[in-house]
N, C-alpha and C. Protein backbone atom coordinates (compact mmCIF):
# COMPACT_ATOMS: atom_id res chain seq x y z
N UNK A 1 0.85 -1.16 0.00
CA UNK A 1 0.00 0.00 0.00
C UNK A 1 0.90 1.23 0.00
N UNK A 2 0.57 2.20 -0.79
CA UNK A 2 1.34 3.44 -0.81
C UNK A 2 0.48 4.60 -0.32
N UNK A 3 1.12 5.52 0.39
CA UNK A 3 0.43 6.70 0.91
C UNK A 3 0.82 7.92 0.11
N UNK A 4 -0.17 8.66 -0.35
CA UNK A 4 0.03 9.89 -1.10
C UNK A 4 -1.04 10.89 -0.65
N UNK A 5 -0.94 11.32 0.59
CA UNK A 5 -1.96 12.25 1.11
C UNK A 5 -1.28 13.46 1.73
N UNK A 6 -1.94 14.59 1.69
CA UNK A 6 -1.37 15.78 2.34
C UNK A 6 -1.53 15.66 3.86
N UNK A 7 -0.73 16.39 4.58
CA UNK A 7 -0.88 16.43 6.03
C UNK A 7 -1.94 17.47 6.38
N UNK A 8 -3.01 17.00 6.98
CA UNK A 8 -4.08 17.87 7.46
C UNK A 8 -4.45 17.38 8.85
N UNK A 9 -5.29 18.11 9.52
CA UNK A 9 -5.77 17.65 10.83
C UNK A 9 -6.47 16.30 10.69
N UNK A 10 -7.14 16.11 9.58
CA UNK A 10 -7.87 14.87 9.34
C UNK A 10 -6.94 13.69 9.06
N UNK A 11 -5.81 13.93 8.39
CA UNK A 11 -4.91 12.82 8.04
C UNK A 11 -3.81 12.58 9.07
N UNK A 12 -3.56 13.52 9.96
CA UNK A 12 -2.50 13.37 10.95
C UNK A 12 -2.75 12.11 11.80
N UNK A 13 -1.75 11.22 11.82
CA UNK A 13 -1.78 9.95 12.55
C UNK A 13 -2.98 9.08 12.18
N UNK A 14 -3.50 9.27 10.96
CA UNK A 14 -4.66 8.49 10.52
C UNK A 14 -4.29 7.06 10.16
N UNK A 15 -3.02 6.82 9.83
CA UNK A 15 -2.57 5.46 9.54
C UNK A 15 -2.13 4.87 10.87
N UNK A 16 -3.02 4.10 11.46
CA UNK A 16 -2.81 3.62 12.81
C UNK A 16 -2.83 2.09 12.84
N UNK A 17 -2.73 1.55 14.04
CA UNK A 17 -2.67 0.11 14.21
C UNK A 17 -3.90 -0.59 13.63
N UNK A 18 -5.06 0.00 13.86
CA UNK A 18 -6.30 -0.60 13.36
C UNK A 18 -6.24 -0.80 11.84
N UNK A 19 -5.72 0.18 11.13
CA UNK A 19 -5.61 0.05 9.67
C UNK A 19 -4.46 -0.86 9.27
N UNK A 20 -3.31 -0.70 9.91
CA UNK A 20 -2.13 -1.47 9.54
C UNK A 20 -2.31 -2.97 9.74
N UNK A 21 -3.03 -3.35 10.79
CA UNK A 21 -3.22 -4.78 11.04
C UNK A 21 -4.19 -5.42 10.05
N UNK A 22 -4.89 -4.61 9.27
CA UNK A 22 -5.78 -5.14 8.23
C UNK A 22 -5.02 -5.49 6.95
N UNK A 23 -3.76 -5.07 6.88
CA UNK A 23 -2.99 -5.37 5.68
C UNK A 23 -2.74 -6.87 5.58
N UNK A 24 -2.69 -7.40 4.37
CA UNK A 24 -2.48 -8.84 4.22
C UNK A 24 -1.10 -9.28 4.69
N UNK A 25 -0.97 -10.56 4.93
CA UNK A 25 0.32 -11.12 5.33
C UNK A 25 1.37 -10.75 4.28
N UNK A 26 2.53 -10.32 4.75
CA UNK A 26 3.61 -9.91 3.84
C UNK A 26 3.42 -8.52 3.28
N UNK A 27 2.44 -7.78 3.81
CA UNK A 27 2.15 -6.44 3.31
C UNK A 27 3.27 -5.45 3.58
N UNK A 28 3.36 -4.46 2.71
CA UNK A 28 4.35 -3.39 2.85
C UNK A 28 3.64 -2.05 2.74
N UNK A 29 3.94 -1.17 3.66
CA UNK A 29 3.43 0.20 3.61
C UNK A 29 4.55 1.08 3.08
N UNK A 30 4.29 1.80 2.00
CA UNK A 30 5.25 2.74 1.42
C UNK A 30 4.70 4.14 1.65
N UNK A 31 5.37 4.90 2.48
CA UNK A 31 4.89 6.22 2.85
C UNK A 31 5.70 7.30 2.12
N UNK A 32 5.09 7.91 1.11
CA UNK A 32 5.71 9.06 0.45
C UNK A 32 4.99 10.34 0.85
N UNK A 33 4.05 10.19 1.77
CA UNK A 33 3.36 11.36 2.33
C UNK A 33 4.22 11.90 3.48
N UNK A 34 3.69 12.81 4.22
CA UNK A 34 4.40 13.35 5.38
C UNK A 34 4.47 12.29 6.46
N UNK A 35 5.56 12.27 7.21
CA UNK A 35 5.73 11.25 8.24
C UNK A 35 4.63 11.29 9.29
N UNK A 36 4.05 12.44 9.51
CA UNK A 36 3.05 12.61 10.56
C UNK A 36 1.72 11.90 10.27
N UNK A 37 1.52 11.44 9.03
CA UNK A 37 0.26 10.74 8.76
C UNK A 37 0.25 9.34 9.37
N UNK A 38 1.43 8.82 9.68
CA UNK A 38 1.54 7.50 10.30
C UNK A 38 1.71 7.68 11.81
N UNK A 39 0.90 6.97 12.56
CA UNK A 39 1.00 7.01 14.02
C UNK A 39 2.24 6.18 14.41
N UNK A 40 3.32 6.85 14.76
CA UNK A 40 4.61 6.18 14.96
C UNK A 40 4.60 5.12 16.06
N UNK A 41 3.98 5.41 17.18
CA UNK A 41 3.95 4.44 18.28
C UNK A 41 3.19 3.18 17.86
N UNK A 42 2.11 3.36 17.13
CA UNK A 42 1.33 2.21 16.70
C UNK A 42 2.01 1.46 15.56
N UNK A 43 2.77 2.16 14.73
CA UNK A 43 3.58 1.50 13.71
C UNK A 43 4.57 0.57 14.40
N UNK A 44 5.20 1.04 15.46
CA UNK A 44 6.16 0.23 16.21
C UNK A 44 5.48 -1.03 16.77
N UNK A 45 4.26 -0.88 17.27
CA UNK A 45 3.52 -2.04 17.78
C UNK A 45 3.28 -3.07 16.67
N UNK A 46 2.89 -2.59 15.50
CA UNK A 46 2.62 -3.49 14.38
C UNK A 46 3.91 -4.20 13.94
N UNK A 47 5.00 -3.46 13.88
CA UNK A 47 6.29 -4.08 13.52
C UNK A 47 6.66 -5.17 14.53
N UNK A 48 6.34 -4.93 15.78
CA UNK A 48 6.66 -5.90 16.83
C UNK A 48 5.77 -7.15 16.71
N UNK A 49 4.49 -6.94 16.45
CA UNK A 49 3.54 -8.05 16.40
C UNK A 49 3.53 -8.82 15.09
N UNK A 50 3.95 -8.15 14.01
CA UNK A 50 3.87 -8.77 12.69
C UNK A 50 5.23 -8.79 12.00
N UNK A 51 5.99 -9.88 12.19
CA UNK A 51 7.30 -9.95 11.54
C UNK A 51 7.24 -10.00 10.02
N UNK A 52 6.04 -10.20 9.46
CA UNK A 52 5.86 -10.21 8.01
C UNK A 52 5.64 -8.82 7.43
N UNK A 53 5.39 -7.83 8.30
CA UNK A 53 5.04 -6.48 7.86
C UNK A 53 6.31 -5.67 7.57
N UNK A 54 6.29 -4.92 6.47
CA UNK A 54 7.44 -4.08 6.09
C UNK A 54 7.00 -2.63 5.93
N UNK A 55 7.95 -1.72 6.14
CA UNK A 55 7.66 -0.28 6.07
C UNK A 55 8.78 0.42 5.33
N UNK A 56 8.42 1.20 4.33
CA UNK A 56 9.38 2.00 3.58
C UNK A 56 8.88 3.43 3.59
N UNK A 57 9.78 4.36 3.89
CA UNK A 57 9.40 5.78 3.91
C UNK A 57 10.55 6.62 3.40
N UNK A 58 10.19 7.80 2.93
CA UNK A 58 11.22 8.70 2.44
C UNK A 58 11.69 9.68 3.50
N UNK A 59 11.18 9.55 4.70
CA UNK A 59 11.65 10.35 5.83
C UNK A 59 11.66 9.43 7.05
N UNK A 60 12.78 9.37 7.74
CA UNK A 60 12.86 8.53 8.94
C UNK A 60 11.99 9.14 10.04
N UNK A 61 11.25 8.30 10.77
CA UNK A 61 10.42 8.82 11.86
C UNK A 61 11.27 9.24 13.06
N UNK A 62 10.65 9.95 13.95
CA UNK A 62 11.36 10.42 15.14
C UNK A 62 11.80 9.25 16.02
N UNK A 63 11.06 8.13 15.98
CA UNK A 63 11.40 6.98 16.82
C UNK A 63 12.26 5.96 16.09
N UNK A 64 13.14 6.42 15.21
CA UNK A 64 13.96 5.52 14.40
C UNK A 64 14.83 4.59 15.26
N UNK A 65 15.36 5.08 16.36
CA UNK A 65 16.21 4.23 17.19
C UNK A 65 15.40 3.08 17.79
N UNK A 66 14.17 3.34 18.21
CA UNK A 66 13.31 2.28 18.74
C UNK A 66 13.00 1.25 17.65
N UNK A 67 12.80 1.72 16.44
CA UNK A 67 12.52 0.82 15.32
C UNK A 67 13.75 -0.03 15.02
N UNK A 68 14.93 0.60 14.98
CA UNK A 68 16.16 -0.16 14.73
C UNK A 68 16.36 -1.23 15.79
N UNK A 69 16.12 -0.87 17.04
CA UNK A 69 16.28 -1.83 18.14
C UNK A 69 15.29 -2.98 18.00
N UNK A 70 14.07 -2.67 17.61
CA UNK A 70 13.03 -3.68 17.48
C UNK A 70 13.32 -4.67 16.36
N UNK A 71 13.67 -4.18 15.18
CA UNK A 71 13.84 -5.07 14.03
C UNK A 71 15.26 -5.62 13.90
N UNK A 72 16.21 -5.05 14.65
CA UNK A 72 17.58 -5.57 14.67
C UNK A 72 18.21 -5.69 13.31
N UNK A 73 18.71 -6.90 13.01
CA UNK A 73 19.43 -7.10 11.74
C UNK A 73 18.52 -7.06 10.52
N UNK A 74 17.22 -6.96 10.73
CA UNK A 74 16.27 -6.83 9.62
C UNK A 74 16.10 -5.38 9.19
N UNK A 75 16.74 -4.45 9.93
CA UNK A 75 16.67 -3.04 9.52
C UNK A 75 17.34 -2.92 8.16
N UNK A 76 16.70 -2.27 7.24
CA UNK A 76 17.21 -2.20 5.87
C UNK A 76 16.58 -3.27 4.99
N UNK A 77 15.87 -4.21 5.62
CA UNK A 77 15.14 -5.23 4.87
C UNK A 77 13.64 -5.09 5.15
N UNK A 78 13.26 -5.09 6.42
CA UNK A 78 11.83 -4.92 6.79
C UNK A 78 11.47 -3.45 6.89
N UNK A 79 12.42 -2.64 7.28
CA UNK A 79 12.18 -1.21 7.46
C UNK A 79 13.28 -0.47 6.70
N UNK A 80 12.86 0.40 5.76
CA UNK A 80 13.81 1.12 4.91
C UNK A 80 13.41 2.59 4.85
N UNK A 81 14.41 3.45 4.97
CA UNK A 81 14.19 4.88 4.80
C UNK A 81 15.13 5.36 3.71
N UNK A 82 14.58 6.07 2.74
CA UNK A 82 15.41 6.57 1.65
C UNK A 82 16.20 7.79 2.13
N UNK A 83 17.24 8.12 1.37
CA UNK A 83 18.08 9.25 1.75
C UNK A 83 17.50 10.59 1.35
N UNK A 84 16.55 10.56 0.41
CA UNK A 84 15.93 11.83 0.03
C UNK A 84 14.44 11.65 -0.18
N UNK A 85 13.73 12.72 -0.01
CA UNK A 85 12.28 12.73 -0.11
C UNK A 85 11.85 12.29 -1.49
N UNK A 86 10.90 11.35 -1.55
CA UNK A 86 10.39 10.87 -2.83
C UNK A 86 9.24 11.71 -3.33
N UNK A 87 8.48 12.30 -2.43
CA UNK A 87 7.32 13.10 -2.82
C UNK A 87 7.72 14.32 -3.62
N UNK A 88 6.87 14.72 -4.54
CA UNK A 88 7.18 15.85 -5.42
C UNK A 88 6.75 17.16 -4.75
N UNK A 89 7.58 17.68 -3.87
CA UNK A 89 7.26 18.90 -3.14
C UNK A 89 7.92 20.14 -3.76
N UNK A 90 9.03 19.95 -4.43
CA UNK A 90 9.76 21.08 -4.99
C UNK A 90 9.68 21.05 -6.52
N UNK A 91 10.05 22.14 -7.14
CA UNK A 91 10.08 22.19 -8.60
C UNK A 91 11.04 21.14 -9.14
N UNK A 92 12.21 21.02 -8.48
CA UNK A 92 13.20 20.02 -8.90
C UNK A 92 12.62 18.60 -8.78
N UNK A 93 11.95 18.33 -7.66
CA UNK A 93 11.36 17.00 -7.45
C UNK A 93 10.27 16.73 -8.47
N UNK A 94 9.45 17.73 -8.77
CA UNK A 94 8.39 17.55 -9.76
C UNK A 94 8.98 17.28 -11.14
N UNK A 95 10.07 17.97 -11.46
CA UNK A 95 10.74 17.75 -12.74
C UNK A 95 11.30 16.33 -12.80
N UNK A 96 11.89 15.87 -11.70
CA UNK A 96 12.44 14.51 -11.64
C UNK A 96 11.31 13.49 -11.74
N UNK A 97 10.19 13.77 -11.07
CA UNK A 97 9.05 12.87 -11.13
C UNK A 97 8.54 12.74 -12.56
N UNK A 98 8.52 13.84 -13.29
CA UNK A 98 8.08 13.80 -14.68
C UNK A 98 9.05 12.97 -15.53
N UNK A 99 10.34 13.14 -15.29
CA UNK A 99 11.34 12.33 -16.02
C UNK A 99 11.17 10.86 -15.67
N UNK A 100 10.95 10.55 -14.39
CA UNK A 100 10.73 9.16 -13.97
C UNK A 100 9.49 8.59 -14.64
N UNK A 101 8.43 9.39 -14.73
CA UNK A 101 7.20 8.94 -15.36
C UNK A 101 7.45 8.60 -16.83
N UNK A 102 8.21 9.47 -17.52
CA UNK A 102 8.52 9.21 -18.93
C UNK A 102 9.33 7.93 -19.08
N UNK A 103 10.28 7.69 -18.15
CA UNK A 103 11.07 6.46 -18.20
C UNK A 103 10.19 5.24 -17.95
N UNK A 104 9.24 5.35 -17.03
CA UNK A 104 8.33 4.24 -16.74
C UNK A 104 7.48 3.91 -17.95
N UNK A 105 7.00 4.94 -18.64
CA UNK A 105 6.20 4.73 -19.85
C UNK A 105 7.04 4.03 -20.91
N UNK A 106 8.28 4.49 -21.10
CA UNK A 106 9.16 3.87 -22.09
C UNK A 106 9.44 2.41 -21.73
N UNK A 107 9.64 2.15 -20.42
CA UNK A 107 9.90 0.77 -19.99
C UNK A 107 8.69 -0.12 -20.29
N UNK A 108 7.47 0.39 -20.04
CA UNK A 108 6.27 -0.39 -20.35
C UNK A 108 6.15 -0.64 -21.85
N UNK A 109 6.44 0.38 -22.63
CA UNK A 109 6.38 0.22 -24.09
C UNK A 109 7.38 -0.83 -24.56
N UNK A 110 8.59 -0.78 -23.97
CA UNK A 110 9.62 -1.76 -24.34
C UNK A 110 9.21 -3.18 -23.93
N UNK A 111 8.62 -3.32 -22.75
CA UNK A 111 8.15 -4.64 -22.32
C UNK A 111 7.09 -5.17 -23.26
N UNK A 112 6.16 -4.33 -23.62
CA UNK A 112 5.08 -4.76 -24.51
C UNK A 112 5.61 -5.09 -25.90
N UNK A 113 6.54 -4.32 -26.40
CA UNK A 113 7.11 -4.57 -27.72
C UNK A 113 7.98 -5.83 -27.72
N UNK A 114 8.63 -6.11 -26.58
CA UNK A 114 9.54 -7.26 -26.49
C UNK A 114 8.80 -8.57 -26.66
N UNK A 115 7.66 -8.68 -26.02
CA UNK A 115 6.94 -9.95 -26.07
C UNK A 115 5.45 -9.69 -26.01
N UNK A 116 4.77 -9.88 -27.08
CA UNK A 116 3.34 -9.59 -27.14
C UNK A 116 2.56 -10.46 -26.15
N UNK A 117 3.06 -11.66 -25.86
CA UNK A 117 2.35 -12.52 -24.91
C UNK A 117 2.47 -11.98 -23.50
N UNK A 118 3.52 -11.24 -23.22
CA UNK A 118 3.67 -10.64 -21.89
C UNK A 118 2.54 -9.66 -21.65
N UNK A 119 2.21 -8.90 -22.69
CA UNK A 119 1.11 -7.94 -22.57
C UNK A 119 -0.20 -8.63 -22.22
N UNK A 120 -0.43 -9.78 -22.82
CA UNK A 120 -1.68 -10.49 -22.57
C UNK A 120 -1.74 -11.05 -21.15
N UNK A 121 -0.59 -11.48 -20.62
CA UNK A 121 -0.62 -12.10 -19.30
C UNK A 121 -0.45 -11.10 -18.16
N UNK A 122 0.24 -10.01 -18.38
CA UNK A 122 0.50 -9.06 -17.30
C UNK A 122 -0.22 -7.73 -17.46
N UNK A 123 -0.65 -7.41 -18.66
CA UNK A 123 -1.37 -6.18 -18.92
C UNK A 123 -0.61 -4.94 -18.45
N UNK A 124 0.60 -4.76 -18.94
CA UNK A 124 1.37 -3.56 -18.66
C UNK A 124 0.85 -2.45 -19.56
N UNK A 125 -0.12 -1.72 -19.08
CA UNK A 125 -0.68 -0.66 -19.89
C UNK A 125 -0.71 0.63 -19.12
N UNK A 126 -0.84 1.70 -19.84
CA UNK A 126 -0.85 3.03 -19.21
C UNK A 126 -2.09 3.25 -18.36
N UNK A 127 -3.13 2.46 -18.53
CA UNK A 127 -4.34 2.66 -17.74
C UNK A 127 -4.10 2.41 -16.27
N UNK A 128 -3.02 1.70 -15.93
CA UNK A 128 -2.72 1.39 -14.54
C UNK A 128 -2.01 2.53 -13.84
N UNK A 129 -1.72 3.59 -14.54
CA UNK A 129 -0.95 4.69 -13.97
C UNK A 129 -1.70 5.99 -14.07
N UNK A 130 -1.58 6.80 -13.07
CA UNK A 130 -2.24 8.09 -13.02
C UNK A 130 -1.39 9.11 -13.76
N UNK A 131 -1.57 9.17 -15.07
CA UNK A 131 -0.76 10.10 -15.88
C UNK A 131 -1.67 10.96 -16.74
């Protein structure tokens, strides 16, 4: 599941234990929204209770040390934080996002051109992307 929501009073800490525990086994939460939309204490509880659950974010939470201690040698595998913000907040980021989008489209076109049967079985089409 990926998060792409603005931070508002309504979304602050809205991603909580009740929602996270509904994710399927082996589920991964990818947070490209603001860190505050995820309830950090409850995220820690879910990581503790569900060794199958993974979390990726573009900003490390304030409780990163507690998370590192909890997941131990699985840090970097179950829990990953990127070195730079993935969300398109700046003009530079928006420009990079547009370039990434163009590359993704080209990759899909190349996949479809490479093997027509791949298109039939996987349906790599632009309809799956918000462009």
